[in-house]
Amino acid sequence: MRLLRGAAWTVFCLDLVILAQLGYAILANSGGPTAQALTRGFAMMLGSGLLGVAVLLIVSSRLRSRFGLCLGLVCATVPLCWVVGEILASAWE
């Protein structure tokens, strides 16, 4: 149970790093207006999703729910898969 909780919170913290990098990209004003709009939209979507995952992980940790922690881990893994997929796609170009 501790391992599952640690894995879920670790993946969640990695998602927060992605959100922080998106925030930096927004503040740096890199790219044109279309790129900025896409970055802001993705940051808003990621931020609201991470808020839901945070609530799920907090409640699941309090209730010691394996199902909730597994669901939180799966939901938190999705943004990491997107980023890894984009990194691999840019490496093959």
N, C-alpha and C. Protein backbone atom coordinates (compact mmCIF):
# COMPACT_ATOMS: atom_id res chain seq x y z
N MET A 1 0.82 -1.19 0.00
CA MET A 1 0.00 0.00 0.00
C MET A 1 0.87 1.27 0.00
N ARG A 2 1.96 1.22 0.80
CA ARG A 2 2.85 2.38 0.82
C ARG A 2 3.54 2.60 -0.51
N LEU A 3 3.89 1.51 -1.17
CA LEU A 3 4.55 1.60 -2.47
C LEU A 3 3.61 2.20 -3.51
N LEU A 4 2.37 1.78 -3.50
CA LEU A 4 1.37 2.31 -4.43
C LEU A 4 1.14 3.80 -4.18
N ARG A 5 1.01 4.18 -2.91
CA ARG A 5 0.81 5.59 -2.57
C ARG A 5 2.02 6.42 -2.99
N GLY A 6 3.21 5.90 -2.74
CA GLY A 6 4.42 6.63 -3.14
C GLY A 6 4.54 6.79 -4.64
N ALA A 7 4.20 5.73 -5.38
CA ALA A 7 4.26 5.81 -6.84
C ALA A 7 3.24 6.82 -7.38
N ALA A 8 2.04 6.81 -6.82
CA ALA A 8 1.00 7.73 -7.30
C ALA A 8 1.40 9.17 -7.04
N TRP A 9 1.90 9.45 -5.85
CA TRP A 9 2.29 10.83 -5.54
C TRP A 9 3.54 11.25 -6.31
N THR A 10 4.43 10.32 -6.59
CA THR A 10 5.62 10.66 -7.38
C THR A 10 5.24 11.04 -8.80
N VAL A 11 4.36 10.28 -9.41
CA VAL A 11 3.92 10.59 -10.77
C VAL A 11 3.17 11.92 -10.77
N PHE A 12 2.39 12.17 -9.74
CA PHE A 12 1.68 13.45 -9.63
C PHE A 12 2.67 14.61 -9.55
N CYS A 13 3.74 14.45 -8.78
CA CYS A 13 4.75 15.51 -8.68
C CYS A 13 5.47 15.73 -10.02
N LEU A 14 5.68 14.67 -10.77
CA LEU A 14 6.27 14.84 -12.11
C LEU A 14 5.33 15.62 -13.02
N ASP A 15 4.03 15.40 -12.86
CA ASP A 15 3.06 16.19 -13.62
C ASP A 15 3.11 17.66 -13.23
N LEU A 16 3.35 17.93 -11.96
CA LEU A 16 3.49 19.32 -11.53
C LEU A 16 4.71 19.98 -12.16
N VAL A 17 5.76 19.20 -12.38
CA VAL A 17 6.95 19.73 -13.07
C VAL A 17 6.59 20.11 -14.51
N ILE A 18 5.81 19.25 -15.17
CA ILE A 18 5.37 19.56 -16.53
C ILE A 18 4.54 20.84 -16.54
N LEU A 19 3.65 20.98 -15.56
CA LEU A 19 2.82 22.19 -15.47
C LEU A 19 3.68 23.43 -15.23
N ALA A 20 4.71 23.30 -14.40
CA ALA A 20 5.62 24.42 -14.15
C ALA A 20 6.37 24.81 -15.42
N GLN A 21 6.78 23.83 -16.21
CA GLN A 21 7.47 24.12 -17.46
C GLN A 21 6.53 24.81 -18.45
N LEU A 22 5.28 24.40 -18.46
CA LEU A 22 4.31 25.09 -19.32
C LEU A 22 4.11 26.52 -18.86
N GLY A 23 4.07 26.73 -17.56
CA GLY A 23 3.95 28.09 -17.03
C GLY A 23 5.14 28.95 -17.43
N TYR A 24 6.32 28.37 -17.39
CA TYR A 24 7.51 29.10 -17.81
C TYR A 24 7.45 29.45 -19.30
N ALA A 25 6.97 28.51 -20.11
CA ALA A 25 6.85 28.76 -21.55
C ALA A 25 5.85 29.88 -21.82
N ILE A 26 4.79 29.94 -21.04
CA ILE A 26 3.80 31.01 -21.20
C ILE A 26 4.42 32.35 -20.82
N LEU A 27 5.16 32.38 -19.71
CA LEU A 27 5.78 33.63 -19.27
C LEU A 27 6.90 34.08 -20.19
N ALA A 28 7.58 33.14 -20.84
CA ALA A 28 8.69 33.48 -21.73
C ALA A 28 8.19 34.02 -23.07
N ASN A 29 6.90 33.88 -23.35
CA ASN A 29 6.30 34.34 -24.61
C ASN A 29 7.02 33.79 -25.83
N SER A 30 7.33 32.50 -25.79
CA SER A 30 8.00 31.89 -26.94
C SER A 30 6.97 31.48 -27.98
N GLY A 31 7.32 31.63 -29.24
CA GLY A 31 6.42 31.24 -30.32
C GLY A 31 5.48 32.37 -30.70
N GLY A 32 4.68 32.09 -31.69
CA GLY A 32 3.71 33.07 -32.16
C GLY A 32 2.43 33.04 -31.34
N PRO A 33 1.45 33.81 -31.76
CA PRO A 33 0.19 33.86 -31.00
C PRO A 33 -0.55 32.53 -30.98
N THR A 34 -0.44 31.76 -32.05
CA THR A 34 -1.11 30.46 -32.07
C THR A 34 -0.45 29.50 -31.08
N ALA A 35 0.87 29.49 -31.03
CA ALA A 35 1.59 28.63 -30.09
C ALA A 35 1.29 29.03 -28.65
N GLN A 36 1.19 30.33 -28.40
CA GLN A 36 0.88 30.79 -27.04
C GLN A 36 -0.53 30.36 -26.63
N ALA A 37 -1.48 30.47 -27.55
CA ALA A 37 -2.85 30.07 -27.25
C ALA A 37 -2.94 28.57 -26.98
N LEU A 38 -2.22 27.78 -27.78
CA LEU A 38 -2.21 26.34 -27.56
C LEU A 38 -1.55 25.98 -26.23
N THR A 39 -0.47 26.66 -25.90
CA THR A 39 0.22 26.39 -24.64
C THR A 39 -0.66 26.76 -23.45
N ARG A 40 -1.34 27.89 -23.54
CA ARG A 40 -2.24 28.30 -22.45
C ARG A 40 -3.40 27.32 -22.31
N GLY A 41 -3.96 26.90 -23.42
CA GLY A 41 -5.06 25.94 -23.37
C GLY A 41 -4.64 24.62 -22.77
N PHE A 42 -3.47 24.13 -23.18
CA PHE A 42 -2.97 22.87 -22.63
C PHE A 42 -2.66 23.01 -21.14
N ALA A 43 -2.11 24.17 -20.74
CA ALA A 43 -1.81 24.38 -19.32
C ALA A 43 -3.09 24.43 -18.49
N MET A 44 -4.14 25.05 -19.01
CA MET A 44 -5.41 25.09 -18.29
C MET A 44 -6.01 23.69 -18.17
N MET A 45 -5.95 22.93 -19.26
CA MET A 45 -6.48 21.57 -19.24
C MET A 45 -5.69 20.70 -18.26
N LEU A 46 -4.37 20.80 -18.30
CA LEU A 46 -3.53 20.02 -17.41
C LEU A 46 -3.74 20.43 -15.96
N GLY A 47 -3.83 21.72 -15.72
CA GLY A 47 -4.02 22.21 -14.36
C GLY A 47 -5.33 21.74 -13.74
N SER A 48 -6.40 21.81 -14.50
CA SER A 48 -7.69 21.35 -13.96
C SER A 48 -7.71 19.84 -13.77
N GLY A 49 -7.07 19.12 -14.68
CA GLY A 49 -6.98 17.66 -14.51
C GLY A 49 -6.15 17.29 -13.30
N LEU A 50 -5.06 18.01 -13.07
CA LEU A 50 -4.22 17.72 -11.91
C LEU A 50 -4.91 18.07 -10.61
N LEU A 51 -5.77 19.06 -10.63
CA LEU A 51 -6.55 19.38 -9.44
C LEU A 51 -7.47 18.21 -9.08
N GLY A 52 -8.10 17.62 -10.08
CA GLY A 52 -8.94 16.45 -9.84
C GLY A 52 -8.15 15.26 -9.35
N VAL A 53 -6.97 15.06 -9.93
CA VAL A 53 -6.11 13.94 -9.50
C VAL A 53 -5.63 14.18 -8.06
N ALA A 54 -5.32 15.43 -7.72
CA ALA A 54 -4.89 15.73 -6.35
C ALA A 54 -5.99 15.41 -5.34
N VAL A 55 -7.22 15.80 -5.66
CA VAL A 55 -8.34 15.49 -4.76
C VAL A 55 -8.51 13.98 -4.63
N LEU A 56 -8.43 13.29 -5.76
CA LEU A 56 -8.56 11.83 -5.73
C LEU A 56 -7.47 11.18 -4.89
N LEU A 57 -6.23 11.64 -5.04
CA LEU A 57 -5.13 11.06 -4.27
C LEU A 57 -5.23 11.39 -2.79
N ILE A 58 -5.67 12.59 -2.46
CA ILE A 58 -5.82 12.95 -1.05
C ILE A 58 -6.89 12.09 -0.38
N VAL A 59 -8.03 11.97 -1.02
CA VAL A 59 -9.12 11.17 -0.46
C VAL A 59 -8.72 9.69 -0.40
N SER A 60 -8.10 9.19 -1.45
CA SER A 60 -7.70 7.78 -1.47
C SER A 60 -6.63 7.49 -0.43
N SER A 61 -5.72 8.43 -0.21
CA SER A 61 -4.69 8.23 0.80
C SER A 61 -5.30 8.22 2.20
N ARG A 62 -6.26 9.11 2.42
CA ARG A 62 -6.93 9.16 3.73
C ARG A 62 -7.73 7.89 4.01
N LEU A 63 -8.45 7.42 2.99
CA LEU A 63 -9.31 6.25 3.16
C LEU A 63 -8.56 4.94 2.96
N ARG A 64 -7.30 5.02 2.56
CA ARG A 64 -6.48 3.84 2.27
C ARG A 64 -7.14 2.93 1.23
N SER A 65 -7.57 3.58 0.16
CA SER A 65 -8.28 2.88 -0.91
C SER A 65 -7.30 2.50 -2.01
N ARG A 66 -7.12 1.21 -2.23
CA ARG A 66 -6.23 0.76 -3.31
C ARG A 66 -6.77 1.14 -4.67
N PHE A 67 -8.08 0.97 -4.85
CA PHE A 67 -8.69 1.30 -6.14
C PHE A 67 -8.51 2.78 -6.46
N GLY A 68 -8.73 3.64 -5.48
CA GLY A 68 -8.57 5.09 -5.70
C GLY A 68 -7.14 5.46 -6.03
N LEU A 69 -6.19 4.84 -5.35
CA LEU A 69 -4.78 5.12 -5.64
C LEU A 69 -4.38 4.62 -7.02
N CYS A 70 -4.89 3.44 -7.40
CA CYS A 70 -4.61 2.93 -8.74
C CYS A 70 -5.22 3.84 -9.80
N LEU A 71 -6.43 4.29 -9.57
CA LEU A 71 -7.08 5.20 -10.51
C LEU A 71 -6.32 6.53 -10.60
N GLY A 72 -5.88 7.04 -9.47
CA GLY A 72 -5.08 8.26 -9.46
C GLY A 72 -3.76 8.08 -10.19
N LEU A 73 -3.14 6.92 -10.01
CA LEU A 73 -1.88 6.64 -10.70
C LEU A 73 -2.08 6.60 -12.20
N VAL A 74 -3.15 5.95 -12.64
CA VAL A 74 -3.43 5.86 -14.08
C VAL A 74 -3.73 7.25 -14.64
N CYS A 75 -4.54 8.02 -13.94
CA CYS A 75 -4.90 9.37 -14.42
C CYS A 75 -3.69 10.29 -14.45
N ALA A 76 -2.78 10.14 -13.49
CA ALA A 76 -1.59 10.98 -13.46
C ALA A 76 -0.55 10.55 -14.48
N THR A 77 -0.65 9.33 -14.96
CA THR A 77 0.31 8.83 -15.94
C THR A 77 0.02 9.36 -17.34
N VAL A 78 -1.21 9.72 -17.62
CA VAL A 78 -1.59 10.16 -18.96
C VAL A 78 -0.77 11.36 -19.44
N PRO A 79 -0.63 12.46 -18.66
CA PRO A 79 0.20 13.57 -19.15
C PRO A 79 1.66 13.18 -19.38
N LEU A 80 2.18 12.29 -18.54
CA LEU A 80 3.56 11.84 -18.75
C LEU A 80 3.70 11.07 -20.05
N CYS A 81 2.70 10.27 -20.38
CA CYS A 81 2.74 9.55 -21.66
C CYS A 81 2.69 10.51 -22.83
N TRP A 82 1.89 11.58 -22.72
CA TRP A 82 1.85 12.60 -23.78
C TRP A 82 3.22 13.23 -23.98
N VAL A 83 3.86 13.60 -22.88
CA VAL A 83 5.16 14.27 -22.98
C VAL A 83 6.22 13.33 -23.54
N VAL A 84 6.26 12.11 -23.05
CA VAL A 84 7.24 11.13 -23.55
C VAL A 84 6.99 10.85 -25.03
N GLY A 85 5.72 10.75 -25.42
CA GLY A 85 5.39 10.55 -26.83
C GLY A 85 5.87 11.70 -27.71
N GLU A 86 5.70 12.92 -27.22
CA GLU A 86 6.17 14.08 -27.98
C GLU A 86 7.70 14.15 -28.05
N ILE A 87 8.35 13.77 -26.97
CA ILE A 87 9.81 13.74 -26.98
C ILE A 87 10.32 12.72 -27.97
N LEU A 88 9.72 11.53 -27.98
CA LEU A 88 10.14 10.51 -28.93
C LEU A 88 9.81 10.91 -30.36
N ALA A 89 8.67 11.56 -30.56
CA ALA A 89 8.31 12.00 -31.92
C ALA A 89 9.27 13.06 -32.43
N SER A 90 9.69 13.97 -31.55
CA SER A 90 10.65 15.00 -31.99
C SER A 90 12.02 14.43 -32.21
N ALA A 91 12.36 13.35 -31.51
CA ALA A 91 13.67 12.73 -31.70
C ALA A 91 13.76 12.02 -33.05
N TRP A 92 12.63 11.53 -33.56
CA TRP A 92 12.62 10.79 -34.82
C TRP A 92 12.49 11.70 -36.03
N GLU A 93 12.29 12.99 -35.81
CA GLU A 93 12.14 13.91 -36.96
C GLU A 93 13.47 14.28 -37.54
